Structure formats: C-alpha cells, structure tokens
N, C-alpha and C. Protein backbone atom coordinates (compact mmCIF):
# COMPACT_ATOMS: atom_id res chain seq x y z
N MET A 1 16.92 -13.92 -13.35
CA MET A 1 17.51 -15.26 -13.19
C MET A 1 17.94 -15.46 -11.74
N THR A 2 17.57 -16.60 -11.16
CA THR A 2 17.89 -16.88 -9.78
C THR A 2 19.37 -17.16 -9.62
N GLN A 3 19.99 -16.53 -8.63
CA GLN A 3 21.40 -16.77 -8.36
C GLN A 3 21.58 -18.12 -7.67
N ALA A 4 22.82 -18.64 -7.73
CA ALA A 4 23.12 -19.88 -7.03
C ALA A 4 22.94 -19.67 -5.54
N PRO A 5 22.48 -20.70 -4.82
CA PRO A 5 22.28 -20.55 -3.38
C PRO A 5 23.59 -20.22 -2.65
N ALA A 6 23.62 -19.09 -1.98
CA ALA A 6 24.82 -18.66 -1.28
C ALA A 6 24.48 -17.59 -0.26
N VAL A 7 25.40 -17.37 0.66
CA VAL A 7 25.30 -16.26 1.60
C VAL A 7 26.04 -15.07 0.98
N LEU A 8 25.32 -13.98 0.77
CA LEU A 8 25.92 -12.80 0.14
C LEU A 8 26.52 -11.85 1.16
N ARG A 9 25.89 -11.76 2.33
CA ARG A 9 26.40 -10.87 3.37
C ARG A 9 25.98 -11.41 4.74
N ILE A 10 26.85 -11.21 5.72
CA ILE A 10 26.56 -11.56 7.11
C ILE A 10 26.58 -10.28 7.92
N CYS A 11 25.53 -10.07 8.71
CA CYS A 11 25.44 -8.86 9.54
C CYS A 11 25.10 -9.24 10.98
N VAL A 12 25.71 -8.54 11.92
CA VAL A 12 25.44 -8.77 13.34
C VAL A 12 25.40 -7.42 14.06
N SER A 13 24.85 -7.45 15.27
CA SER A 13 24.84 -6.24 16.09
C SER A 13 24.48 -6.62 17.52
N LYS A 14 25.13 -5.98 18.46
CA LYS A 14 24.70 -6.07 19.85
C LYS A 14 23.47 -5.18 20.03
N ALA A 15 22.64 -5.52 21.00
CA ALA A 15 21.47 -4.69 21.29
C ALA A 15 21.90 -3.34 21.84
N LYS A 16 21.15 -2.31 21.47
CA LYS A 16 21.45 -0.97 21.97
C LYS A 16 20.16 -0.19 22.11
N ASN A 17 20.21 0.89 22.88
CA ASN A 17 19.05 1.75 23.04
C ASN A 17 19.04 2.83 21.97
N VAL A 18 17.88 3.00 21.34
CA VAL A 18 17.72 4.05 20.33
C VAL A 18 16.51 4.89 20.70
N GLU A 19 16.52 6.14 20.29
CA GLU A 19 15.40 7.04 20.57
C GLU A 19 14.25 6.75 19.60
N TRP A 20 13.04 6.68 20.15
CA TRP A 20 11.86 6.43 19.31
C TRP A 20 10.63 6.95 20.03
N ASN A 21 9.92 7.83 19.37
CA ASN A 21 8.68 8.40 19.91
C ASN A 21 8.87 8.98 21.30
N GLY A 22 9.97 9.67 21.48
CA GLY A 22 10.21 10.35 22.74
C GLY A 22 10.76 9.49 23.86
N GLY A 23 11.07 8.24 23.58
CA GLY A 23 11.63 7.35 24.59
C GLY A 23 12.78 6.55 24.04
N LEU A 24 13.25 5.60 24.83
CA LEU A 24 14.34 4.72 24.43
C LEU A 24 13.81 3.31 24.22
N VAL A 25 14.25 2.68 23.14
CA VAL A 25 13.87 1.30 22.82
C VAL A 25 15.14 0.48 22.61
N ALA A 26 15.20 -0.67 23.27
CA ALA A 26 16.34 -1.57 23.08
C ALA A 26 16.10 -2.42 21.85
N THR A 27 17.08 -2.48 20.95
CA THR A 27 16.93 -3.26 19.73
C THR A 27 18.28 -3.69 19.18
N GLY A 28 18.28 -4.82 18.51
CA GLY A 28 19.47 -5.30 17.83
C GLY A 28 19.31 -5.30 16.33
N ILE A 29 18.35 -4.51 15.82
CA ILE A 29 18.01 -4.56 14.40
C ILE A 29 18.98 -3.77 13.52
N PHE A 30 19.79 -2.90 14.12
CA PHE A 30 20.73 -2.10 13.33
C PHE A 30 22.02 -2.90 13.10
N LYS A 31 21.93 -3.90 12.26
CA LYS A 31 23.05 -4.82 12.07
C LYS A 31 24.03 -4.29 11.01
N LEU A 32 25.30 -4.63 11.21
CA LEU A 32 26.36 -4.18 10.33
C LEU A 32 27.10 -5.38 9.74
N PRO A 33 27.60 -5.26 8.51
CA PRO A 33 28.29 -6.39 7.88
C PRO A 33 29.60 -6.71 8.57
N VAL A 34 29.93 -8.00 8.56
CA VAL A 34 31.20 -8.46 9.12
C VAL A 34 31.97 -9.21 8.04
N GLU A 35 33.28 -9.14 8.13
CA GLU A 35 34.16 -9.83 7.18
C GLU A 35 34.69 -11.12 7.81
N GLY A 36 35.12 -12.03 6.97
CA GLY A 36 35.73 -13.26 7.45
C GLY A 36 34.72 -14.25 7.99
N LYS A 37 35.22 -15.25 8.67
CA LYS A 37 34.38 -16.31 9.21
C LYS A 37 33.71 -15.86 10.50
N VAL A 38 32.48 -16.32 10.69
CA VAL A 38 31.71 -16.01 11.89
C VAL A 38 31.29 -17.33 12.54
N LYS A 39 31.48 -17.42 13.85
CA LYS A 39 31.10 -18.62 14.58
C LYS A 39 29.59 -18.67 14.76
N VAL A 40 29.01 -19.82 14.47
CA VAL A 40 27.58 -20.06 14.64
C VAL A 40 27.37 -20.80 15.96
N ARG A 41 26.62 -20.19 16.86
CA ARG A 41 26.28 -20.81 18.13
C ARG A 41 24.84 -21.29 18.09
N ARG A 42 24.44 -22.04 19.10
CA ARG A 42 23.08 -22.58 19.14
C ARG A 42 22.01 -21.48 19.16
N LEU A 43 22.32 -20.33 19.77
CA LEU A 43 21.31 -19.30 19.94
C LEU A 43 21.53 -18.06 19.11
N ASN A 44 22.69 -17.93 18.45
CA ASN A 44 22.93 -16.77 17.60
C ASN A 44 24.31 -16.88 16.96
N LEU A 45 24.68 -15.85 16.23
CA LEU A 45 26.01 -15.74 15.67
C LEU A 45 26.89 -14.95 16.64
N ASP A 46 28.17 -15.23 16.65
CA ASP A 46 29.07 -14.44 17.47
C ASP A 46 28.95 -12.96 17.11
N GLY A 47 28.83 -12.12 18.10
CA GLY A 47 28.72 -10.68 17.87
C GLY A 47 27.30 -10.21 17.69
N ASP A 48 26.34 -11.14 17.72
CA ASP A 48 24.95 -10.75 17.51
C ASP A 48 24.18 -10.89 18.83
N GLU A 49 23.08 -10.14 18.92
CA GLU A 49 22.29 -10.14 20.14
C GLU A 49 20.87 -9.72 19.82
N GLN A 50 19.91 -10.32 20.51
CA GLN A 50 18.51 -9.92 20.40
C GLN A 50 18.11 -9.22 21.69
N ALA A 51 17.36 -8.13 21.56
CA ALA A 51 17.02 -7.32 22.73
C ALA A 51 15.85 -7.90 23.52
N ASP A 52 14.81 -8.33 22.82
CA ASP A 52 13.59 -8.82 23.48
C ASP A 52 13.42 -10.30 23.16
N LEU A 53 13.84 -11.15 24.10
CA LEU A 53 13.83 -12.59 23.85
C LEU A 53 12.44 -13.21 23.91
N THR A 54 11.42 -12.41 24.23
CA THR A 54 10.06 -12.95 24.19
C THR A 54 9.55 -13.07 22.76
N VAL A 55 10.11 -12.29 21.85
CA VAL A 55 9.64 -12.32 20.46
C VAL A 55 10.77 -12.58 19.45
N HIS A 56 12.01 -12.46 19.88
CA HIS A 56 13.15 -12.70 18.99
C HIS A 56 14.11 -13.67 19.67
N GLY A 57 14.92 -14.33 18.87
CA GLY A 57 15.94 -15.19 19.44
C GLY A 57 15.39 -16.51 19.96
N GLY A 58 16.22 -17.23 20.69
CA GLY A 58 15.85 -18.57 21.12
C GLY A 58 16.25 -19.58 20.06
N ARG A 59 16.08 -20.85 20.36
CA ARG A 59 16.54 -21.90 19.44
C ARG A 59 15.85 -21.85 18.09
N ASP A 60 14.56 -21.56 18.07
CA ASP A 60 13.82 -21.56 16.81
C ASP A 60 14.11 -20.32 15.95
N LYS A 61 14.66 -19.29 16.56
CA LYS A 61 14.92 -18.03 15.85
C LYS A 61 16.34 -17.55 16.12
N ALA A 62 17.28 -18.46 15.98
CA ALA A 62 18.68 -18.14 16.28
C ALA A 62 19.29 -17.22 15.23
N VAL A 63 18.93 -17.45 13.97
CA VAL A 63 19.52 -16.70 12.85
C VAL A 63 18.39 -16.28 11.91
N TYR A 64 18.42 -15.03 11.50
CA TYR A 64 17.40 -14.51 10.57
C TYR A 64 18.03 -14.30 9.20
N ALA A 65 17.40 -14.88 8.18
CA ALA A 65 17.90 -14.76 6.80
C ALA A 65 16.85 -14.08 5.93
N TYR A 66 17.34 -13.31 4.96
CA TYR A 66 16.43 -12.62 4.05
C TYR A 66 16.92 -12.79 2.61
N PRO A 67 16.03 -13.24 1.71
CA PRO A 67 16.45 -13.48 0.32
C PRO A 67 16.78 -12.19 -0.42
N SER A 68 17.91 -12.17 -1.07
CA SER A 68 18.28 -11.00 -1.89
C SER A 68 17.27 -10.78 -3.00
N GLU A 69 16.61 -11.87 -3.43
CA GLU A 69 15.63 -11.76 -4.50
C GLU A 69 14.49 -10.80 -4.14
N HIS A 70 14.19 -10.66 -2.86
CA HIS A 70 13.11 -9.76 -2.44
C HIS A 70 13.50 -8.29 -2.49
N TYR A 71 14.79 -8.02 -2.53
CA TYR A 71 15.22 -6.63 -2.56
C TYR A 71 14.76 -5.93 -3.85
N GLY A 72 14.65 -6.67 -4.94
CA GLY A 72 14.15 -6.08 -6.18
C GLY A 72 12.74 -5.57 -6.02
N TYR A 73 11.91 -6.34 -5.32
CA TYR A 73 10.53 -5.92 -5.05
C TYR A 73 10.53 -4.63 -4.23
N TRP A 74 11.35 -4.58 -3.18
CA TRP A 74 11.34 -3.41 -2.31
C TRP A 74 11.92 -2.18 -2.98
N LYS A 75 12.85 -2.36 -3.89
CA LYS A 75 13.41 -1.21 -4.59
C LYS A 75 12.38 -0.60 -5.54
N GLN A 76 11.45 -1.43 -6.02
CA GLN A 76 10.35 -0.91 -6.83
C GLN A 76 9.31 -0.21 -5.95
N GLU A 77 9.05 -0.81 -4.79
CA GLU A 77 8.07 -0.24 -3.86
C GLU A 77 8.58 1.04 -3.19
N LEU A 78 9.89 1.08 -2.94
CA LEU A 78 10.50 2.20 -2.22
C LEU A 78 11.67 2.77 -3.03
N PRO A 79 11.39 3.34 -4.20
CA PRO A 79 12.48 3.78 -5.09
C PRO A 79 13.34 4.89 -4.50
N GLU A 80 12.80 5.58 -3.50
CA GLU A 80 13.55 6.69 -2.91
C GLU A 80 14.58 6.22 -1.88
N ARG A 81 14.54 4.95 -1.53
CA ARG A 81 15.42 4.42 -0.49
C ARG A 81 16.63 3.71 -1.09
N ASP A 82 17.74 3.81 -0.40
CA ASP A 82 18.94 3.07 -0.77
C ASP A 82 19.01 1.85 0.14
N LEU A 83 18.42 0.76 -0.32
CA LEU A 83 18.33 -0.44 0.51
C LEU A 83 19.52 -1.36 0.26
N GLU A 84 20.47 -1.32 1.16
CA GLU A 84 21.60 -2.24 1.09
C GLU A 84 21.24 -3.55 1.78
N TRP A 85 21.96 -4.62 1.41
CA TRP A 85 21.74 -5.89 2.10
C TRP A 85 21.95 -5.71 3.60
N GLY A 86 21.00 -6.22 4.35
CA GLY A 86 21.00 -6.04 5.80
C GLY A 86 20.00 -5.01 6.26
N SER A 87 19.33 -4.35 5.32
CA SER A 87 18.40 -3.27 5.66
C SER A 87 17.19 -3.73 6.45
N PHE A 88 16.85 -5.02 6.39
CA PHE A 88 15.68 -5.51 7.10
C PHE A 88 16.05 -6.18 8.41
N GLY A 89 17.29 -5.97 8.84
CA GLY A 89 17.73 -6.50 10.12
C GLY A 89 18.15 -7.95 10.08
N GLU A 90 18.36 -8.47 8.85
CA GLU A 90 18.73 -9.88 8.74
C GLU A 90 20.20 -10.13 9.08
N ASN A 91 20.45 -11.32 9.59
CA ASN A 91 21.83 -11.78 9.80
C ASN A 91 22.47 -12.22 8.49
N LEU A 92 21.69 -12.93 7.68
CA LEU A 92 22.19 -13.46 6.42
C LEU A 92 21.35 -12.93 5.28
N THR A 93 21.99 -12.29 4.32
CA THR A 93 21.32 -11.99 3.05
C THR A 93 21.71 -13.11 2.11
N THR A 94 20.71 -13.82 1.59
CA THR A 94 20.96 -15.04 0.83
C THR A 94 20.52 -14.91 -0.62
N SER A 95 21.01 -15.82 -1.44
CA SER A 95 20.53 -15.93 -2.82
C SER A 95 20.12 -17.37 -3.07
N GLY A 96 19.26 -17.56 -4.05
CA GLY A 96 18.90 -18.91 -4.48
C GLY A 96 17.62 -19.46 -3.91
N PHE A 97 17.11 -18.86 -2.85
CA PHE A 97 15.86 -19.32 -2.24
C PHE A 97 14.98 -18.11 -1.94
N ASP A 98 13.67 -18.32 -2.03
CA ASP A 98 12.75 -17.27 -1.62
C ASP A 98 11.58 -17.90 -0.87
N GLN A 99 10.51 -17.12 -0.66
CA GLN A 99 9.38 -17.60 0.15
C GLN A 99 8.66 -18.79 -0.47
N THR A 100 8.77 -18.93 -1.78
CA THR A 100 8.04 -20.00 -2.46
C THR A 100 8.86 -21.28 -2.62
N SER A 101 10.17 -21.19 -2.44
CA SER A 101 11.02 -22.36 -2.69
C SER A 101 11.59 -22.99 -1.43
N LEU A 102 11.45 -22.33 -0.29
CA LEU A 102 11.90 -22.91 0.97
C LEU A 102 10.69 -23.38 1.77
N CYS A 103 10.85 -24.53 2.40
CA CYS A 103 9.77 -25.11 3.20
C CYS A 103 10.17 -25.20 4.67
N ILE A 104 9.16 -25.18 5.52
CA ILE A 104 9.39 -25.44 6.93
C ILE A 104 10.00 -26.83 7.07
N GLY A 105 11.07 -26.93 7.83
CA GLY A 105 11.74 -28.22 8.02
C GLY A 105 12.88 -28.49 7.06
N ASP A 106 13.10 -27.59 6.08
CA ASP A 106 14.23 -27.77 5.17
C ASP A 106 15.55 -27.60 5.93
N LYS A 107 16.47 -28.51 5.67
CA LYS A 107 17.79 -28.43 6.30
C LYS A 107 18.79 -27.84 5.30
N LEU A 108 19.62 -26.94 5.81
CA LEU A 108 20.58 -26.23 4.97
C LEU A 108 21.98 -26.34 5.57
N GLN A 109 22.95 -26.61 4.71
CA GLN A 109 24.36 -26.61 5.11
C GLN A 109 25.01 -25.33 4.61
N ILE A 110 25.61 -24.58 5.52
CA ILE A 110 26.36 -23.37 5.16
C ILE A 110 27.70 -23.46 5.87
N GLY A 111 28.78 -23.41 5.12
CA GLY A 111 30.08 -23.58 5.75
C GLY A 111 30.13 -24.89 6.49
N THR A 112 30.55 -24.84 7.74
CA THR A 112 30.59 -26.06 8.56
C THR A 112 29.40 -26.15 9.51
N ALA A 113 28.44 -25.26 9.38
CA ALA A 113 27.26 -25.25 10.23
C ALA A 113 26.05 -25.80 9.48
N GLN A 114 25.12 -26.35 10.24
CA GLN A 114 23.90 -26.89 9.65
C GLN A 114 22.70 -26.26 10.34
N PHE A 115 21.69 -25.91 9.51
CA PHE A 115 20.52 -25.20 9.99
C PHE A 115 19.24 -25.91 9.55
N VAL A 116 18.11 -25.52 10.17
CA VAL A 116 16.80 -25.97 9.72
C VAL A 116 15.87 -24.76 9.71
N VAL A 117 15.05 -24.66 8.66
CA VAL A 117 14.08 -23.57 8.54
C VAL A 117 12.92 -23.82 9.49
N THR A 118 12.65 -22.87 10.37
CA THR A 118 11.62 -23.06 11.39
C THR A 118 10.36 -22.25 11.18
N GLN A 119 10.49 -21.05 10.59
CA GLN A 119 9.32 -20.19 10.41
C GLN A 119 9.71 -18.95 9.61
N PRO A 120 8.72 -18.28 9.00
CA PRO A 120 9.00 -16.94 8.46
C PRO A 120 9.09 -15.95 9.60
N ARG A 121 9.60 -14.76 9.32
CA ARG A 121 9.76 -13.73 10.36
C ARG A 121 8.53 -12.83 10.38
N MET A 122 7.88 -12.79 11.52
CA MET A 122 6.75 -11.90 11.69
C MET A 122 7.28 -10.50 12.00
N PRO A 123 6.97 -9.48 11.19
CA PRO A 123 7.53 -8.14 11.43
C PRO A 123 6.99 -7.52 12.71
N CYS A 124 7.84 -6.77 13.41
CA CYS A 124 7.40 -6.04 14.60
C CYS A 124 7.73 -4.56 14.41
N PHE A 125 7.35 -3.75 15.39
CA PHE A 125 7.48 -2.29 15.26
C PHE A 125 8.92 -1.84 15.09
N LYS A 126 9.89 -2.68 15.47
CA LYS A 126 11.28 -2.28 15.38
C LYS A 126 11.76 -2.20 13.92
N LEU A 127 11.06 -2.88 13.01
CA LEU A 127 11.36 -2.70 11.60
C LEU A 127 11.05 -1.27 11.18
N GLY A 128 9.98 -0.71 11.76
CA GLY A 128 9.66 0.70 11.51
C GLY A 128 10.73 1.63 12.04
N ILE A 129 11.33 1.26 13.17
CA ILE A 129 12.43 2.06 13.71
C ILE A 129 13.63 1.98 12.78
N ARG A 130 13.95 0.77 12.35
CA ARG A 130 15.11 0.57 11.48
C ARG A 130 15.01 1.38 10.20
N LEU A 131 13.82 1.44 9.63
CA LEU A 131 13.63 2.13 8.36
C LEU A 131 13.02 3.52 8.53
N ALA A 132 12.90 3.97 9.79
CA ALA A 132 12.37 5.31 10.09
C ALA A 132 11.01 5.53 9.44
N ASP A 133 10.17 4.49 9.48
CA ASP A 133 8.86 4.57 8.84
C ASP A 133 7.91 3.59 9.55
N PRO A 134 7.08 4.06 10.48
CA PRO A 134 6.16 3.18 11.20
C PRO A 134 5.23 2.40 10.27
N GLY A 135 4.87 2.98 9.14
CA GLY A 135 3.98 2.31 8.20
C GLY A 135 4.62 1.13 7.49
N MET A 136 5.93 1.02 7.60
CA MET A 136 6.63 -0.06 6.92
C MET A 136 6.29 -1.42 7.50
N VAL A 137 5.91 -1.46 8.77
CA VAL A 137 5.59 -2.74 9.40
C VAL A 137 4.38 -3.37 8.72
N ARG A 138 3.34 -2.60 8.54
CA ARG A 138 2.13 -3.12 7.88
C ARG A 138 2.43 -3.45 6.41
N ARG A 139 3.22 -2.62 5.78
CA ARG A 139 3.56 -2.85 4.38
C ARG A 139 4.36 -4.14 4.21
N PHE A 140 5.30 -4.35 5.10
CA PHE A 140 6.12 -5.56 5.10
C PHE A 140 5.24 -6.79 5.33
N PHE A 141 4.33 -6.68 6.28
CA PHE A 141 3.42 -7.78 6.61
C PHE A 141 2.58 -8.16 5.40
N ARG A 142 1.98 -7.18 4.76
CA ARG A 142 1.10 -7.44 3.63
C ARG A 142 1.84 -8.02 2.42
N SER A 143 3.13 -7.72 2.31
CA SER A 143 3.91 -8.22 1.16
C SER A 143 4.09 -9.74 1.20
N GLY A 144 4.09 -10.31 2.40
CA GLY A 144 4.37 -11.73 2.54
C GLY A 144 5.83 -12.09 2.35
N LYS A 145 6.65 -11.10 2.07
CA LYS A 145 8.09 -11.34 1.84
C LYS A 145 8.83 -11.10 3.15
N TRP A 146 8.72 -12.07 4.05
CA TRP A 146 9.12 -11.87 5.42
C TRP A 146 10.52 -12.38 5.74
N GLY A 147 11.12 -13.15 4.87
CA GLY A 147 12.37 -13.80 5.24
C GLY A 147 12.11 -14.99 6.14
N TYR A 148 13.15 -15.58 6.68
CA TYR A 148 12.96 -16.83 7.42
C TYR A 148 13.96 -16.97 8.56
N TYR A 149 13.49 -17.64 9.62
CA TYR A 149 14.33 -17.94 10.77
C TYR A 149 14.92 -19.34 10.64
N LEU A 150 16.11 -19.46 11.18
CA LEU A 150 16.82 -20.74 11.18
C LEU A 150 17.18 -21.14 12.59
N ALA A 151 16.97 -22.43 12.91
CA ALA A 151 17.53 -23.02 14.12
C ALA A 151 18.87 -23.65 13.75
N VAL A 152 19.76 -23.72 14.70
CA VAL A 152 21.09 -24.28 14.46
C VAL A 152 21.11 -25.75 14.88
N LEU A 153 21.32 -26.62 13.91
CA LEU A 153 21.41 -28.05 14.19
C LEU A 153 22.84 -28.45 14.55
N GLU A 154 23.80 -27.86 13.87
CA GLU A 154 25.21 -28.13 14.16
C GLU A 154 25.96 -26.81 14.15
N GLU A 155 26.65 -26.51 15.23
CA GLU A 155 27.46 -25.30 15.29
C GLU A 155 28.65 -25.41 14.32
N GLY A 156 29.16 -24.26 13.92
CA GLY A 156 30.28 -24.25 13.00
C GLY A 156 30.66 -22.83 12.65
N GLU A 157 31.25 -22.64 11.48
CA GLU A 157 31.64 -21.32 11.02
C GLU A 157 31.09 -21.09 9.62
N ILE A 158 30.68 -19.85 9.38
CA ILE A 158 30.19 -19.46 8.06
C ILE A 158 30.85 -18.15 7.65
N GLY A 159 30.81 -17.88 6.34
CA GLY A 159 31.36 -16.63 5.83
C GLY A 159 30.61 -16.20 4.59
N ALA A 160 30.64 -14.90 4.31
CA ALA A 160 30.02 -14.40 3.08
C ALA A 160 30.67 -15.09 1.89
N GLY A 161 29.84 -15.52 0.95
CA GLY A 161 30.32 -16.26 -0.21
C GLY A 161 30.14 -17.75 -0.08
N ASP A 162 29.87 -18.24 1.12
CA ASP A 162 29.65 -19.67 1.31
C ASP A 162 28.41 -20.13 0.54
N GLN A 163 28.51 -21.29 -0.08
CA GLN A 163 27.36 -21.89 -0.74
C GLN A 163 26.35 -22.37 0.30
N ILE A 164 25.09 -22.38 -0.10
CA ILE A 164 24.03 -22.96 0.72
C ILE A 164 23.61 -24.27 0.06
N THR A 165 23.77 -25.37 0.76
CA THR A 165 23.40 -26.67 0.22
C THR A 165 22.11 -27.15 0.87
N HIS A 166 21.13 -27.46 0.04
CA HIS A 166 19.86 -27.96 0.54
C HIS A 166 20.01 -29.45 0.83
N LEU A 167 19.78 -29.83 2.09
CA LEU A 167 19.99 -31.21 2.52
C LEU A 167 18.70 -32.02 2.57
N GLY A 168 17.61 -31.44 2.13
CA GLY A 168 16.33 -32.15 2.17
C GLY A 168 15.41 -31.56 3.22
N GLY A 169 14.17 -32.01 3.20
CA GLY A 169 13.17 -31.49 4.13
C GLY A 169 12.49 -32.60 4.89
N ASP A 170 11.38 -32.24 5.53
CA ASP A 170 10.64 -33.23 6.32
C ASP A 170 9.48 -33.84 5.55
N GLY A 171 9.33 -33.44 4.27
CA GLY A 171 8.30 -34.05 3.43
C GLY A 171 6.94 -33.41 3.50
N ASN A 172 6.75 -32.42 4.39
CA ASN A 172 5.44 -31.82 4.53
C ASN A 172 5.11 -30.88 3.40
N GLY A 173 6.11 -30.20 2.85
CA GLY A 173 5.90 -29.34 1.70
C GLY A 173 5.22 -28.03 1.99
N VAL A 174 5.28 -27.55 3.24
CA VAL A 174 4.69 -26.26 3.60
C VAL A 174 5.73 -25.17 3.37
N THR A 175 5.49 -24.32 2.38
CA THR A 175 6.45 -23.27 2.07
C THR A 175 6.29 -22.09 3.03
N LEU A 176 7.30 -21.24 3.03
CA LEU A 176 7.21 -20.01 3.80
C LEU A 176 6.03 -19.16 3.32
N ALA A 177 5.80 -19.17 2.02
CA ALA A 177 4.67 -18.42 1.45
C ALA A 177 3.34 -18.97 1.94
N ASP A 178 3.24 -20.29 2.11
CA ASP A 178 2.01 -20.88 2.64
C ASP A 178 1.71 -20.35 4.03
N VAL A 179 2.75 -20.25 4.86
CA VAL A 179 2.55 -19.78 6.22
C VAL A 179 2.11 -18.33 6.23
N SER A 180 2.79 -17.48 5.47
CA SER A 180 2.42 -16.06 5.46
C SER A 180 1.01 -15.88 4.89
N GLN A 181 0.61 -16.72 3.94
CA GLN A 181 -0.74 -16.61 3.39
C GLN A 181 -1.79 -16.87 4.47
N CYS A 182 -1.50 -17.79 5.38
CA CYS A 182 -2.45 -18.09 6.45
C CYS A 182 -2.69 -16.87 7.34
N PHE A 183 -1.70 -15.99 7.42
CA PHE A 183 -1.83 -14.78 8.22
C PHE A 183 -2.44 -13.62 7.44
N THR A 184 -2.16 -13.54 6.15
CA THR A 184 -2.53 -12.34 5.38
C THR A 184 -3.80 -12.50 4.56
N ASP A 185 -4.23 -13.72 4.28
CA ASP A 185 -5.39 -13.96 3.41
C ASP A 185 -6.60 -14.31 4.27
N PRO A 186 -7.59 -13.42 4.37
CA PRO A 186 -8.77 -13.69 5.21
C PRO A 186 -9.57 -14.91 4.75
N SER A 187 -9.46 -15.26 3.46
CA SER A 187 -10.22 -16.39 2.92
C SER A 187 -9.34 -17.61 2.67
N VAL A 188 -8.26 -17.73 3.43
CA VAL A 188 -7.34 -18.84 3.22
C VAL A 188 -8.07 -20.18 3.35
N ASP A 189 -7.69 -21.11 2.52
CA ASP A 189 -8.33 -22.42 2.47
C ASP A 189 -8.10 -23.19 3.77
N ALA A 190 -9.15 -23.83 4.25
CA ALA A 190 -9.05 -24.58 5.51
C ALA A 190 -8.06 -25.73 5.40
N ALA A 191 -7.96 -26.32 4.21
CA ALA A 191 -7.02 -27.42 4.03
C ALA A 191 -5.58 -26.95 4.19
N LEU A 192 -5.29 -25.73 3.71
CA LEU A 192 -3.94 -25.19 3.87
C LEU A 192 -3.65 -24.90 5.34
N LEU A 193 -4.63 -24.35 6.03
CA LEU A 193 -4.46 -24.10 7.46
C LEU A 193 -4.14 -25.40 8.21
N ALA A 194 -4.88 -26.44 7.89
CA ALA A 194 -4.64 -27.73 8.55
C ALA A 194 -3.25 -28.26 8.25
N LYS A 195 -2.82 -28.08 7.01
CA LYS A 195 -1.49 -28.54 6.61
C LYS A 195 -0.40 -27.78 7.35
N VAL A 196 -0.60 -26.48 7.51
CA VAL A 196 0.38 -25.67 8.22
C VAL A 196 0.44 -26.07 9.69
N PHE A 197 -0.71 -26.28 10.30
CA PHE A 197 -0.72 -26.67 11.72
C PHE A 197 -0.12 -28.07 11.91
N ASP A 198 -0.18 -28.89 10.88
CA ASP A 198 0.37 -30.25 10.97
C ASP A 198 1.87 -30.29 10.67
N SER A 199 2.43 -29.16 10.26
CA SER A 199 3.85 -29.09 9.89
C SER A 199 4.72 -28.89 11.12
N ASN A 200 6.03 -28.81 10.89
CA ASN A 200 6.98 -28.54 11.96
C ASN A 200 7.23 -27.04 12.14
N LEU A 201 6.26 -26.23 11.79
CA LEU A 201 6.34 -24.79 12.04
C LEU A 201 6.59 -24.57 13.53
N ALA A 202 7.46 -23.59 13.85
CA ALA A 202 7.78 -23.30 15.25
C ALA A 202 6.50 -23.08 16.06
N MET A 203 6.47 -23.63 17.27
CA MET A 203 5.27 -23.62 18.10
C MET A 203 4.78 -22.21 18.39
N GLN A 204 5.68 -21.26 18.62
CA GLN A 204 5.26 -19.90 18.92
C GLN A 204 4.45 -19.30 17.77
N MET A 205 4.84 -19.61 16.53
CA MET A 205 4.10 -19.08 15.40
C MET A 205 2.76 -19.81 15.23
N LYS A 206 2.72 -21.10 15.54
CA LYS A 206 1.43 -21.81 15.50
C LYS A 206 0.47 -21.18 16.51
N GLU A 207 0.96 -20.86 17.69
CA GLU A 207 0.11 -20.25 18.71
C GLU A 207 -0.37 -18.87 18.27
N HIS A 208 0.51 -18.13 17.60
CA HIS A 208 0.13 -16.82 17.09
C HIS A 208 -0.97 -16.96 16.04
N LEU A 209 -0.85 -17.94 15.18
CA LEU A 209 -1.86 -18.16 14.14
C LEU A 209 -3.19 -18.60 14.76
N GLU A 210 -3.14 -19.45 15.76
CA GLU A 210 -4.36 -19.87 16.45
C GLU A 210 -5.06 -18.67 17.08
N TYR A 211 -4.27 -17.79 17.68
CA TYR A 211 -4.82 -16.58 18.30
C TYR A 211 -5.50 -15.70 17.26
N GLN A 212 -4.86 -15.54 16.11
CA GLN A 212 -5.42 -14.69 15.06
C GLN A 212 -6.72 -15.27 14.53
N ILE A 213 -6.77 -16.58 14.34
CA ILE A 213 -7.98 -17.23 13.86
C ILE A 213 -9.12 -17.06 14.87
N ALA A 214 -8.80 -17.22 16.15
CA ALA A 214 -9.80 -17.09 17.19
C ALA A 214 -10.36 -15.66 17.21
N ARG A 215 -9.52 -14.67 17.03
CA ARG A 215 -9.98 -13.27 17.03
C ARG A 215 -10.94 -13.01 15.87
N LYS A 216 -10.66 -13.62 14.70
CA LYS A 216 -11.53 -13.40 13.54
C LYS A 216 -12.92 -14.00 13.76
N LYS A 217 -13.01 -15.03 14.61
CA LYS A 217 -14.29 -15.69 14.84
C LYS A 217 -15.14 -14.94 15.85
N GLN A 218 -14.53 -14.02 16.58
CA GLN A 218 -15.29 -13.28 17.61
C GLN A 218 -16.24 -12.26 16.99
C-alpha cells in the first residue's frame, strides 16, 4: 500500500575526499540524516554540498529525492545489505510517489518551500563508492529506479515528516519512468522519444540522451 506523500528523512553532507582505487575522490554522497527544520536554498539545502558541479548540483539538480517505495525492490535484490534511508545519496527520502507517478514539470510543495521535478538521477561511479560495489552503478541504471532531481522554485524550510503536496504539472505527462526507458530500452518507441524531447526535461539530460542516440547510430 502506498504511503501518504511525505518526506521521511532529510540527509545532507559536505563534500569530502575518500579513498577509492588507490586515489582520492571528492564526493558529497555520504549523506547523514538531520533533525529539525532545514533551510532550502536555490542551489541546495543548508549543510549540503556537491563535489563535481559539472554533473551534480546547479539549479536543475539542487535537491535529490529517492522514493522509499524503491527500497523494497533493493532489499530483495541486495538481501545481504542493510539499506537505510539515505543509502543512495539522496537528500530526501520520500513516500507517496515513484518513477511511474511523478512527471517532469510536476510542482511540489514541502513545508514552506516549493519545488519542480526536472529529471531523474543518472547514476555515476560515486554510487559504487557509496555502496562499496562498482557493479552497483550498472545495476542501478538498468533498474530504472533512479530517483529524481528537484529545482527550487521558492526557498523556505522543510523537515522530516512534512507532507508533500502535488501542485499540478505542465500537462506533458512525461513520467520519470518514461525518461529512464529512453536510456535503458534499445527499442524504445520513437513517439516516446519525441515526447520526452518536447518536455521540460532538464537540458543537460536531453543533451545526454541525444548523445546516446547518436552513438547507437554509429
């Protein structure tokens, strides 16, 4: 049964250097839960930081949310792991929405802050660092259960337990699952691709998808 839309946990972290493959890598993926209200800024949450701004952060990727509903899937896939909320590096662990029920352009009210869904999260190698498993990146990618990035429309304060109110969308109807399918399904329908490109999907992800399509044609 789907839980009511709410924020279950808020996690933040400053970027730090961690050892990986014999070297040091800067990352902010090792996020820890915070109590009380957290200030939402245009580019991130107070106390949070992204290490590589070429692929993380910025207005379109200010806050990363991950549906708690997906944790059930991962606990079946990885029964040996103790996956607590925040394990995928998300700022917000949420309930009530997943990849099939949220659309690009959906506006959400949480606490006194307002957000808009901009894109799903494309996994990078730092997820493998977080979970001490390089193969997890490909596994996460193939699952399509990527979570979603939020841009901040109105700054404010949020806290764990706050309800998430859906304020409507842009009418395009492109779900997060539609976007991930365009990346993971080699035989994806051309009509769906066109619909995704016509949506308000963040430009960086549109460019990434264009690049992937071009590579397949070579």
